[in-house]
C-alpha atoms as a PDB file:
ATOM      1  CA  MET A   1       0.100  -0.087   0.074  1.00  0.00           C
ATOM      2  CA  ASN A   2       1.366   3.408  -0.954  1.00  0.00           C
ATOM      3  CA  THR A   3       0.646   6.170   1.515  1.00  0.00           C
ATOM      4  CA  TYR A   4       1.338   9.842   0.885  1.00  0.00           C
ATOM      5  CA  TRP A   5       1.775  12.162   3.620  1.00  0.00           C
ATOM      6  CA  VAL A   6       0.408  15.734   3.053  1.00  0.00           C
ATOM      7  CA  SER A   7       1.120  17.459   6.368  1.00  0.00           C
ATOM      8  CA  ILE A   8       1.578  16.648   9.891  1.00  0.00           C
ATOM      9  CA  LYS A   9      -2.150  16.941  10.369  1.00  0.00           C
ATOM     10  CA  THR A  10      -3.559  15.149   7.543  1.00  0.00           C
ATOM     11  CA  LYS A  11      -2.738  12.170   5.199  1.00  0.00           C
ATOM     12  CA  VAL A  12      -4.127  11.037   1.777  1.00  0.00           C
ATOM     13  CA  GLU A  13      -3.939   7.385   0.985  1.00  0.00           C
ATOM     14  CA  HIS A  14      -3.661   5.521  -2.316  1.00  0.00           C
ATOM     15  CA  PRO A  15      -4.934   1.949  -1.638  1.00  0.00           C
ATOM     16  CA  PRO A  16      -4.157  -0.940  -3.774  1.00  0.00           C
ATOM     17  CA  ASN A  17      -5.038  -0.145  -7.206  1.00  0.00           C
ATOM     18  CA  ALA A  18      -8.046  -2.395  -7.430  1.00  0.00           C
ATOM     19  CA  ARG A  19     -10.053  -0.088  -5.160  1.00  0.00           C
ATOM     20  CA  HIS A  20      -9.862   2.724  -7.853  1.00  0.00           C
ATOM     21  CA  ARG A  21     -10.248   5.502  -5.314  1.00  0.00           C
ATOM     22  CA  ILE A  22      -8.084   8.008  -3.242  1.00  0.00           C
ATOM     23  CA  GLN A  23      -8.922   8.382   0.467  1.00  0.00           C
ATOM     24  CA  PHE A  24      -8.341  11.266   2.936  1.00  0.00           C
ATOM     25  CA  TYR A  25      -7.716  10.424   6.678  1.00  0.00           C
ATOM     26  CA  PRO A  26      -7.499  13.178   9.255  1.00  0.00           C
ATOM     27  CA  VAL A  27      -4.791  12.581  11.690  1.00  0.00           C
ATOM     28  CA  ASP A  28      -5.446   9.749  14.508  1.00  0.00           C
ATOM     29  CA  THR A  29      -8.672   8.437  12.566  1.00  0.00           C
ATOM     30  CA  ILE A  30      -9.278   5.058  11.418  1.00  0.00           C
ATOM     31  CA  ASN A  31     -11.944   5.596   8.756  1.00  0.00           C
ATOM     32  CA  GLY A  32     -11.113   7.697   5.620  1.00  0.00           C
ATOM     33  CA  THR A  33     -13.286   9.604   3.223  1.00  0.00           C
ATOM     34  CA  THR A  34     -12.974   8.841  -0.381  1.00  0.00           C
ATOM     35  CA  ILE A  35     -12.269  11.978  -2.212  1.00  0.00           C
ATOM     36  CA  ALA A  36     -11.533  10.671  -5.573  1.00  0.00           C
ATOM     37  CA  GLY A  37     -13.014   7.706  -7.595  1.00  0.00           C
ATOM     38  CA  THR A  38     -15.504   5.338  -6.297  1.00  0.00           C
ATOM     39  CA  THR A  39     -14.642   2.187  -4.145  1.00  0.00           C
ATOM     40  CA  ASN A  40     -14.396  -1.073  -6.400  1.00  0.00           C
ATOM     41  CA  PHE A  41     -15.781   0.525  -9.494  1.00  0.00           C
ATOM     42  CA  ALA A  42     -13.415   1.620 -12.420  1.00  0.00           C
ATOM     43  CA  GLY A  43     -14.679   3.807 -15.135  1.00  0.00           C
ATOM     44  CA  SER A  44     -13.662   6.639 -17.499  1.00  0.00           C
ATOM     45  CA  ASN A  45     -16.211   9.459 -16.788  1.00  0.00           C
ATOM     46  CA  ALA A  46     -14.904  12.572 -14.905  1.00  0.00           C
ATOM     47  CA  SER A  47     -15.573  11.248 -11.410  1.00  0.00           C
ATOM     48  CA  LEU A  48     -14.255   7.822 -11.768  1.00  0.00           C
ATOM     49  CA  LEU A  49     -10.724   6.277 -11.867  1.00  0.00           C
ATOM     50  CA  ALA A  50      -9.254   3.166 -13.299  1.00  0.00           C
ATOM     51  CA  TYR A  51      -5.912   1.937 -11.710  1.00  0.00           C
ATOM     52  CA  PRO A  52      -4.646   5.318 -10.123  1.00  0.00           C
ATOM     53  CA  LEU A  53      -0.857   5.157  -9.805  1.00  0.00           C
ATOM     54  CA  SER A  54       0.206   8.605  -8.216  1.00  0.00           C
ATOM     55  CA  LEU A  55      -1.093  11.858  -6.944  1.00  0.00           C
ATOM     56  CA  VAL A  56      -0.011  15.354  -6.248  1.00  0.00           C
ATOM     57  CA  LEU A  57      -1.748  18.321  -4.487  1.00  0.00           C
ATOM     58  CA  ASP A  58      -1.069  21.847  -5.682  1.00  0.00           C
ATOM     59  CA  THR A  59      -0.780  24.859  -3.436  1.00  0.00           C
ATOM     60  CA  GLN A  60      -4.690  25.236  -3.814  1.00  0.00           C
ATOM     61  CA  LEU A  61      -5.127  21.691  -2.499  1.00  0.00           C
ATOM     62  CA  ASN A  62      -6.391  20.444  -5.904  1.00  0.00           C
ATOM     63  CA  LEU A  63      -5.762  16.897  -6.248  1.00  0.00           C
ATOM     64  CA  TYR A  64      -4.125  15.579  -9.549  1.00  0.00           C
ATOM     65  CA  VAL A  65      -4.268  11.810  -9.979  1.00  0.00           C
ATOM     66  CA  SER A  66      -2.525   9.706 -12.824  1.00  0.00           C
ATOM     67  CA  ASP A  67      -5.182   7.428 -14.053  1.00  0.00           C
ATOM     68  CA  TYR A  68      -3.347   4.496 -15.707  1.00  0.00           C
ATOM     69  CA  ILE A  69      -6.064   2.669 -17.567  1.00  0.00           C
ATOM     70  CA  ASN A  70      -7.546   5.975 -18.793  1.00  0.00           C
ATOM     71  CA  HIS A  71      -4.277   7.289 -20.107  1.00  0.00           C
ATOM     72  CA  ARG A  72      -4.967  10.791 -18.263  1.00  0.00           C
ATOM     73  CA  VAL A  73      -4.165  12.837 -15.370  1.00  0.00           C
ATOM     74  CA  GLN A  74      -7.358  13.673 -13.644  1.00  0.00           C
ATOM     75  CA  LYS A  75      -7.900  16.774 -11.637  1.00  0.00           C
ATOM     76  CA  PHE A  76     -10.165  17.032  -8.647  1.00  0.00           C
ATOM     77  CA  MET A  77     -10.948  20.470  -7.229  1.00  0.00           C
ATOM     78  CA  ARG A  78     -10.207  21.135  -3.673  1.00  0.00           C
ATOM     79  CA  TYR A  79     -12.200  18.836  -1.545  1.00  0.00           C
END
């Protein structure tokens, strides 16, 4: 499992690719909130991902996700 730390107070998780989602976890919590994609459902429309590989947050906290199967970088506005 790849985990990407955003700051001391938050983390964003990129779970195993088959989940097709990106989750946000506030510090010291067990349950995350899906902020991009849909759990266990791949697709190519604007709200779905298919095998996300990496992510980046910009200074405005917009999320960019490399979407492997769809051959694109998907932008999700600040959550």
